Amino acid sequence: MKCVICKQGETRPGSATVTLERKGTTVVVKSVPAQVCENCGEQYLDESIVRALLQNAEDAAGDGVQVEVRTYSSP
């Protein structure tokens, strides 16, 4: 797909590091599957992956976690 940010590059399969903050909790998830622009590096995540990441952050906040760093694993 054409990158909507730079409008020059095409996206390719790759990975991203995603940082989420929720209710005083910071969750960093590495190696998240993404489409990455070959020109500017903008990262695009699938809706199902975003949904899982947001649920993970909500669960961590509910458990009282302050900072968590993990590697992505598919749901």
PDB file of N, CA and C in Angstrom:
ATOM      1  N   MET A   1       0.839  -1.169   0.000  1.00  0.00           N
ATOM      2  CA  MET A   1       0.000   0.000   0.000  1.00  0.00           C
ATOM      3  C   MET A   1       0.886   1.235   0.000  1.00  0.00           C
ATOM      4  N   LYS A   2       0.399   2.309  -0.556  1.00  0.00           N
ATOM      5  CA  LYS A   2       1.123   3.575  -0.583  1.00  0.00           C
ATOM      6  C   LYS A   2       1.039   4.229   0.795  1.00  0.00           C
ATOM      7  N   CYS A   3       2.153   4.749   1.284  1.00  0.00           N
ATOM      8  CA  CYS A   3       2.199   5.391   2.597  1.00  0.00           C
ATOM      9  C   CYS A   3       1.361   6.673   2.575  1.00  0.00           C
ATOM     10  N   VAL A   4       0.470   6.819   3.545  1.00  0.00           N
ATOM     11  CA  VAL A   4      -0.376   8.008   3.600  1.00  0.00           C
ATOM     12  C   VAL A   4       0.351   9.200   4.224  1.00  0.00           C
ATOM     13  N   ILE A   5       1.497   8.975   4.850  1.00  0.00           N
ATOM     14  CA  ILE A   5       2.256  10.063   5.462  1.00  0.00           C
ATOM     15  C   ILE A   5       3.162  10.741   4.439  1.00  0.00           C
ATOM     16  N   CYS A   6       4.076   9.997   3.829  1.00  0.00           N
ATOM     17  CA  CYS A   6       5.020  10.603   2.882  1.00  0.00           C
ATOM     18  C   CYS A   6       4.516  10.573   1.441  1.00  0.00           C
ATOM     19  N   LYS A   7       3.547   9.729   1.179  1.00  0.00           N
ATOM     20  CA  LYS A   7       2.947   9.581  -0.148  1.00  0.00           C
ATOM     21  C   LYS A   7       3.956   9.187  -1.233  1.00  0.00           C
ATOM     22  N   GLN A   8       5.116   8.705  -0.811  1.00  0.00           N
ATOM     23  CA  GLN A   8       6.167   8.307  -1.755  1.00  0.00           C
ATOM     24  C   GLN A   8       6.446   6.813  -1.709  1.00  0.00           C
ATOM     25  N   GLY A   9       6.567   6.280  -0.497  1.00  0.00           N
ATOM     26  CA  GLY A   9       6.989   4.896  -0.331  1.00  0.00           C
ATOM     27  C   GLY A   9       5.838   3.910  -0.319  1.00  0.00           C
ATOM     28  N   GLU A  10       6.203   2.673  -0.523  1.00  0.00           N
ATOM     29  CA  GLU A  10       5.277   1.544  -0.393  1.00  0.00           C
ATOM     30  C   GLU A  10       5.571   0.861   0.938  1.00  0.00           C
ATOM     31  N   THR A  11       4.555   0.253   1.528  1.00  0.00           N
ATOM     32  CA  THR A  11       4.772  -0.458   2.782  1.00  0.00           C
ATOM     33  C   THR A  11       5.172  -1.901   2.511  1.00  0.00           C
ATOM     34  N   ARG A  12       5.965  -2.415   3.422  1.00  0.00           N
ATOM     35  CA  ARG A  12       6.444  -3.799   3.363  1.00  0.00           C
ATOM     36  C   ARG A  12       6.249  -4.428   4.734  1.00  0.00           C
ATOM     37  N   PRO A  13       6.111  -5.748   4.791  1.00  0.00           N
ATOM     38  CA  PRO A  13       6.017  -6.405   6.097  1.00  0.00           C
ATOM     39  C   PRO A  13       7.276  -6.154   6.921  1.00  0.00           C
ATOM     40  N   GLY A  14       7.063  -5.885   8.194  1.00  0.00           N
ATOM     41  CA  GLY A  14       8.173  -5.643   9.106  1.00  0.00           C
ATOM     42  C   GLY A  14       7.680  -5.759  10.533  1.00  0.00           C
ATOM     43  N   SER A  15       8.327  -5.041  11.430  1.00  0.00           N
ATOM     44  CA  SER A  15       7.899  -5.063  12.826  1.00  0.00           C
ATOM     45  C   SER A  15       8.072  -3.678  13.430  1.00  0.00           C
ATOM     46  N   ALA A  16       7.389  -3.485  14.550  1.00  0.00           N
ATOM     47  CA  ALA A  16       7.409  -2.193  15.236  1.00  0.00           C
ATOM     48  C   ALA A  16       7.529  -2.423  16.735  1.00  0.00           C
ATOM     49  N   THR A  17       7.964  -1.392  17.432  1.00  0.00           N
ATOM     50  CA  THR A  17       7.906  -1.362  18.884  1.00  0.00           C
ATOM     51  C   THR A  17       6.807  -0.376  19.241  1.00  0.00           C
ATOM     52  N   VAL A  18       5.856  -0.834  20.043  1.00  0.00           N
ATOM     53  CA  VAL A  18       4.688  -0.025  20.388  1.00  0.00           C
ATOM     54  C   VAL A  18       4.726   0.284  21.882  1.00  0.00           C
ATOM     55  N   THR A  19       4.554   1.559  22.222  1.00  0.00           N
ATOM     56  CA  THR A  19       4.489   1.991  23.618  1.00  0.00           C
ATOM     57  C   THR A  19       3.085   2.506  23.899  1.00  0.00           C
ATOM     58  N   LEU A  20       2.460   1.931  24.918  1.00  0.00           N
ATOM     59  CA  LEU A  20       1.109   2.334  25.313  1.00  0.00           C
ATOM     60  C   LEU A  20       1.135   2.805  26.757  1.00  0.00           C
ATOM     61  N   GLU A  21       0.399   3.870  27.031  1.00  0.00           N
ATOM     62  CA  GLU A  21       0.264   4.358  28.395  1.00  0.00           C
ATOM     63  C   GLU A  21      -1.210   4.373  28.746  1.00  0.00           C
ATOM     64  N   ARG A  22      -1.522   3.830  29.927  1.00  0.00           N
ATOM     65  CA  ARG A  22      -2.920   3.726  30.342  1.00  0.00           C
ATOM     66  C   ARG A  22      -2.993   3.750  31.857  1.00  0.00           C
ATOM     67  N   LYS A  23      -3.712   4.690  32.422  1.00  0.00           N
ATOM     68  CA  LYS A  23      -3.948   4.756  33.870  1.00  0.00           C
ATOM     69  C   LYS A  23      -2.657   4.623  34.678  1.00  0.00           C
ATOM     70  N   GLY A  24      -1.611   5.351  34.300  1.00  0.00           N
ATOM     71  CA  GLY A  24      -0.355   5.290  35.035  1.00  0.00           C
ATOM     72  C   GLY A  24       0.505   4.084  34.718  1.00  0.00           C
ATOM     73  N   THR A  25       0.093   3.280  33.750  1.00  0.00           N
ATOM     74  CA  THR A  25       0.830   2.089  33.336  1.00  0.00           C
ATOM     75  C   THR A  25       1.461   2.336  31.970  1.00  0.00           C
ATOM     76  N   THR A  26       2.710   1.939  31.818  1.00  0.00           N
ATOM     77  CA  THR A  26       3.378   2.009  30.522  1.00  0.00           C
ATOM     78  C   THR A  26       3.720   0.586  30.093  1.00  0.00           C
ATOM     79  N   VAL A  27       3.250   0.220  28.900  1.00  0.00           N
ATOM     80  CA  VAL A  27       3.512  -1.110  28.348  1.00  0.00           C
ATOM     81  C   VAL A  27       4.253  -0.916  27.028  1.00  0.00           C
ATOM     82  N   VAL A  28       5.424  -1.534  26.913  1.00  0.00           N
ATOM     83  CA  VAL A  28       6.217  -1.497  25.687  1.00  0.00           C
ATOM     84  C   VAL A  28       6.196  -2.902  25.104  1.00  0.00           C
ATOM     85  N   VAL A  29       5.777  -3.003  23.844  1.00  0.00           N
ATOM     86  CA  VAL A  29       5.711  -4.308  23.181  1.00  0.00           C
ATOM     87  C   VAL A  29       6.629  -4.258  21.960  1.00  0.00           C
ATOM     88  N   LYS A  30       7.590  -5.157  21.934  1.00  0.00           N
ATOM     89  CA  LYS A  30       8.558  -5.223  20.838  1.00  0.00           C
ATOM     90  C   LYS A  30       8.146  -6.282  19.819  1.00  0.00           C
ATOM     91  N   SER A  31       8.663  -6.159  18.622  1.00  0.00           N
ATOM     92  CA  SER A  31       8.464  -7.133  17.535  1.00  0.00           C
ATOM     93  C   SER A  31       6.997  -7.314  17.166  1.00  0.00           C
ATOM     94  N   VAL A  32       6.254  -6.215  17.127  1.00  0.00           N
ATOM     95  CA  VAL A  32       4.850  -6.258  16.729  1.00  0.00           C
ATOM     96  C   VAL A  32       4.782  -6.284  15.203  1.00  0.00           C
ATOM     97  N   PRO A  33       4.070  -7.247  14.603  1.00  0.00           N
ATOM     98  CA  PRO A  33       3.955  -7.293  13.144  1.00  0.00           C
ATOM     99  C   PRO A  33       3.320  -6.003  12.622  1.00  0.00           C
ATOM    100  N   ALA A  34       3.939  -5.439  11.585  1.00  0.00           N
ATOM    101  CA  ALA A  34       3.448  -4.176  11.033  1.00  0.00           C
ATOM    102  C   ALA A  34       3.788  -4.092   9.553  1.00  0.00           C
ATOM    103  N   GLN A  35       3.114  -3.182   8.881  1.00  0.00           N
ATOM    104  CA  GLN A  35       3.512  -2.777   7.539  1.00  0.00           C
ATOM    105  C   GLN A  35       4.323  -1.505   7.723  1.00  0.00           C
ATOM    106  N   VAL A  36       5.533  -1.467   7.177  1.00  0.00           N
ATOM    107  CA  VAL A  36       6.439  -0.350   7.400  1.00  0.00           C
ATOM    108  C   VAL A  36       6.783   0.298   6.056  1.00  0.00           C
ATOM    109  N   CYS A  37       6.664   1.638   6.006  1.00  0.00           N
ATOM    110  CA  CYS A  37       6.990   2.363   4.778  1.00  0.00           C
ATOM    111  C   CYS A  37       8.484   2.272   4.511  1.00  0.00           C
ATOM    112  N   GLU A  38       8.821   1.897   3.289  1.00  0.00           N
ATOM    113  CA  GLU A  38      10.218   1.768   2.913  1.00  0.00           C
ATOM    114  C   GLU A  38      10.908   3.124   2.783  1.00  0.00           C
ATOM    115  N   ASN A  39      10.136   4.190   2.679  1.00  0.00           N
ATOM    116  CA  ASN A  39      10.703   5.524   2.501  1.00  0.00           C
ATOM    117  C   ASN A  39      10.872   6.271   3.825  1.00  0.00           C
ATOM    118  N   CYS A  40       9.798   6.390   4.598  1.00  0.00           N
ATOM    119  CA  CYS A  40       9.844   7.217   5.814  1.00  0.00           C
ATOM    120  C   CYS A  40       9.809   6.415   7.115  1.00  0.00           C
ATOM    121  N   GLY A  41       9.500   5.121   7.040  1.00  0.00           N
ATOM    122  CA  GLY A  41       9.491   4.278   8.234  1.00  0.00           C
ATOM    123  C   GLY A  41       8.186   4.290   9.012  1.00  0.00           C
ATOM    124  N   GLU A  42       7.163   4.989   8.504  1.00  0.00           N
ATOM    125  CA  GLU A  42       5.863   4.983   9.181  1.00  0.00           C
ATOM    126  C   GLU A  42       5.377   3.541   9.321  1.00  0.00           C
ATOM    127  N   GLN A  43       4.753   3.243  10.476  1.00  0.00           N
ATOM    128  CA  GLN A  43       4.337   1.878  10.770  1.00  0.00           C
ATOM    129  C   GLN A  43       2.816   1.798  10.821  1.00  0.00           C
ATOM    130  N   TYR A  44       2.269   0.757  10.207  1.00  0.00           N
ATOM    131  CA  TYR A  44       0.825   0.536  10.174  1.00  0.00           C
ATOM    132  C   TYR A  44       0.538  -0.831  10.785  1.00  0.00           C
ATOM    133  N   LEU A  45      -0.416  -0.859  11.740  1.00  0.00           N
ATOM    134  CA  LEU A  45      -0.766  -2.102  12.423  1.00  0.00           C
ATOM    135  C   LEU A  45      -2.166  -2.532  12.017  1.00  0.00           C
ATOM    136  N   ASP A  46      -2.379  -3.845  11.933  1.00  0.00           N
ATOM    137  CA  ASP A  46      -3.708  -4.384  11.670  1.00  0.00           C
ATOM    138  C   ASP A  46      -4.617  -4.121  12.855  1.00  0.00           C
ATOM    139  N   GLU A  47      -5.897  -3.970  12.579  1.00  0.00           N
ATOM    140  CA  GLU A  47      -6.882  -3.685  13.619  1.00  0.00           C
ATOM    141  C   GLU A  47      -6.903  -4.756  14.706  1.00  0.00           C
ATOM    142  N   SER A  48      -6.788  -6.014  14.320  1.00  0.00           N
ATOM    143  CA  SER A  48      -6.824  -7.091  15.316  1.00  0.00           C
ATOM    144  C   SER A  48      -5.621  -7.021  16.256  1.00  0.00           C
ATOM    145  N   ILE A  49      -4.478  -6.617  15.749  1.00  0.00           N
ATOM    146  CA  ILE A  49      -3.283  -6.480  16.572  1.00  0.00           C
ATOM    147  C   ILE A  49      -3.442  -5.305  17.532  1.00  0.00           C
ATOM    148  N   VAL A  50      -3.972  -4.192  17.036  1.00  0.00           N
ATOM    149  CA  VAL A  50      -4.200  -3.029  17.889  1.00  0.00           C
ATOM    150  C   VAL A  50      -5.170  -3.381  19.011  1.00  0.00           C
ATOM    151  N   ARG A  51      -6.217  -4.094  18.671  1.00  0.00           N
ATOM    152  CA  ARG A  51      -7.201  -4.504  19.674  1.00  0.00           C
ATOM    153  C   ARG A  51      -6.534  -5.332  20.779  1.00  0.00           C
ATOM    154  N   ALA A  52      -5.691  -6.282  20.396  1.00  0.00           N
ATOM    155  CA  ALA A  52      -4.996  -7.129  21.374  1.00  0.00           C
ATOM    156  C   ALA A  52      -4.021  -6.314  22.229  1.00  0.00           C
ATOM    157  N   LEU A  53      -3.313  -5.368  21.617  1.00  0.00           N
ATOM    158  CA  LEU A  53      -2.379  -4.532  22.368  1.00  0.00           C
ATOM    159  C   LEU A  53      -3.107  -3.654  23.383  1.00  0.00           C
ATOM    160  N   LEU A  54      -4.221  -3.069  22.972  1.00  0.00           N
ATOM    161  CA  LEU A  54      -4.998  -2.230  23.883  1.00  0.00           C
ATOM    162  C   LEU A  54      -5.566  -3.039  25.043  1.00  0.00           C
ATOM    163  N   GLN A  55      -6.019  -4.257  24.765  1.00  0.00           N
ATOM    164  CA  GLN A  55      -6.536  -5.108  25.832  1.00  0.00           C
ATOM    165  C   GLN A  55      -5.422  -5.478  26.804  1.00  0.00           C
ATOM    166  N   ASN A  56      -4.244  -5.747  26.273  1.00  0.00           N
ATOM    167  CA  ASN A  56      -3.095  -6.065  27.118  1.00  0.00           C
ATOM    168  C   ASN A  56      -2.761  -4.902  28.038  1.00  0.00           C
ATOM    169  N   ALA A  57      -2.776  -3.682  27.514  1.00  0.00           N
ATOM    170  CA  ALA A  57      -2.493  -2.499  28.335  1.00  0.00           C
ATOM    171  C   ALA A  57      -3.556  -2.308  29.401  1.00  0.00           C
ATOM    172  N   GLU A  58      -4.804  -2.540  29.049  1.00  0.00           N
ATOM    173  CA  GLU A  58      -5.902  -2.423  30.019  1.00  0.00           C
ATOM    174  C   GLU A  58      -5.745  -3.460  31.130  1.00  0.00           C
ATOM    175  N   ASP A  59      -5.401  -4.689  30.767  1.00  0.00           N
ATOM    176  CA  ASP A  59      -5.189  -5.752  31.759  1.00  0.00           C
ATOM    177  C   ASP A  59      -4.019  -5.414  32.687  1.00  0.00           C
ATOM    178  N   ALA A  60      -2.928  -4.912  32.107  1.00  0.00           N
ATOM    179  CA  ALA A  60      -1.765  -4.550  32.907  1.00  0.00           C
ATOM    180  C   ALA A  60      -2.114  -3.433  33.888  1.00  0.00           C
ATOM    181  N   ALA A  61      -2.865  -2.440  33.430  1.00  0.00           N
ATOM    182  CA  ALA A  61      -3.278  -1.339  34.311  1.00  0.00           C
ATOM    183  C   ALA A  61      -4.156  -1.873  35.440  1.00  0.00           C
ATOM    184  N   GLY A  62      -5.044  -2.795  35.117  1.00  0.00           N
ATOM    185  CA  GLY A  62      -5.915  -3.397  36.126  1.00  0.00           C
ATOM    186  C   GLY A  62      -5.155  -4.211  37.151  1.00  0.00           C
ATOM    187  N   ASP A  63      -4.001  -4.760  36.741  1.00  0.00           N
ATOM    188  CA  ASP A  63      -3.174  -5.560  37.646  1.00  0.00           C
ATOM    189  C   ASP A  63      -2.213  -4.704  38.471  1.00  0.00           C
ATOM    190  N   GLY A  64      -2.223  -3.387  38.223  1.00  0.00           N
ATOM    191  CA  GLY A  64      -1.358  -2.492  38.980  1.00  0.00           C
ATOM    192  C   GLY A  64       0.061  -2.387  38.455  1.00  0.00           C
ATOM    193  N   VAL A  65       0.309  -2.864  37.240  1.00  0.00           N
ATOM    194  CA  VAL A  65       1.646  -2.790  36.647  1.00  0.00           C
ATOM    195  C   VAL A  65       1.986  -1.327  36.372  1.00  0.00           C
ATOM    196  N   GLN A  66       3.224  -0.922  36.668  1.00  0.00           N
ATOM    197  CA  GLN A  66       3.650   0.433  36.337  1.00  0.00           C
ATOM    198  C   GLN A  66       4.381   0.464  35.004  1.00  0.00           C
ATOM    199  N   VAL A  67       5.349  -0.440  34.816  1.00  0.00           N
ATOM    200  CA  VAL A  67       6.095  -0.518  33.560  1.00  0.00           C
ATOM    201  C   VAL A  67       6.262  -1.983  33.206  1.00  0.00           C
ATOM    202  N   GLU A  68       5.996  -2.290  31.936  1.00  0.00           N
ATOM    203  CA  GLU A  68       6.145  -3.665  31.469  1.00  0.00           C
ATOM    204  C   GLU A  68       6.730  -3.624  30.058  1.00  0.00           C
ATOM    205  N   VAL A  69       7.732  -4.461  29.798  1.00  0.00           N
ATOM    206  CA  VAL A  69       8.318  -4.599  28.470  1.00  0.00           C
ATOM    207  C   VAL A  69       8.206  -6.048  28.084  1.00  0.00           C
ATOM    208  N   ARG A  70       7.615  -6.301  26.915  1.00  0.00           N
ATOM    209  CA  ARG A  70       7.450  -7.680  26.473  1.00  0.00           C
ATOM    210  C   ARG A  70       7.604  -7.783  24.978  1.00  0.00           C
ATOM    211  N   THR A  71       7.783  -8.997  24.492  1.00  0.00           N
ATOM    212  CA  THR A  71       7.836  -9.280  23.068  1.00  0.00           C
ATOM    213  C   THR A  71       6.454  -9.737  22.627  1.00  0.00           C
ATOM    214  N   TYR A  72       6.012  -9.249  21.483  1.00  0.00           N
ATOM    215  CA  TYR A  72       4.678  -9.583  20.989  1.00  0.00           C
ATOM    216  C   TYR A  72       4.531 -11.082  20.757  1.00  0.00           C
ATOM    217  N   SER A  73       3.397 -11.613  21.162  1.00  0.00           N
ATOM    218  CA  SER A  73       3.034 -12.986  20.815  1.00  0.00           C
ATOM    219  C   SER A  73       1.585 -12.936  20.344  1.00  0.00           C
ATOM    220  N   SER A  74       1.297 -13.608  19.263  1.00  0.00           N
ATOM    221  CA  SER A  74      -0.042 -13.525  18.677  1.00  0.00           C
ATOM    222  C   SER A  74      -1.081 -14.118  19.634  1.00  0.00           C
ATOM    223  N   PRO A  75      -2.272 -13.480  19.642  1.00  0.00           N
ATOM    224  CA  PRO A  75      -3.331 -13.935  20.574  1.00  0.00           C
ATOM    225  C   PRO A  75      -3.887 -15.285  20.218  1.00  0.00           C
TER     226      PRO A  75
END
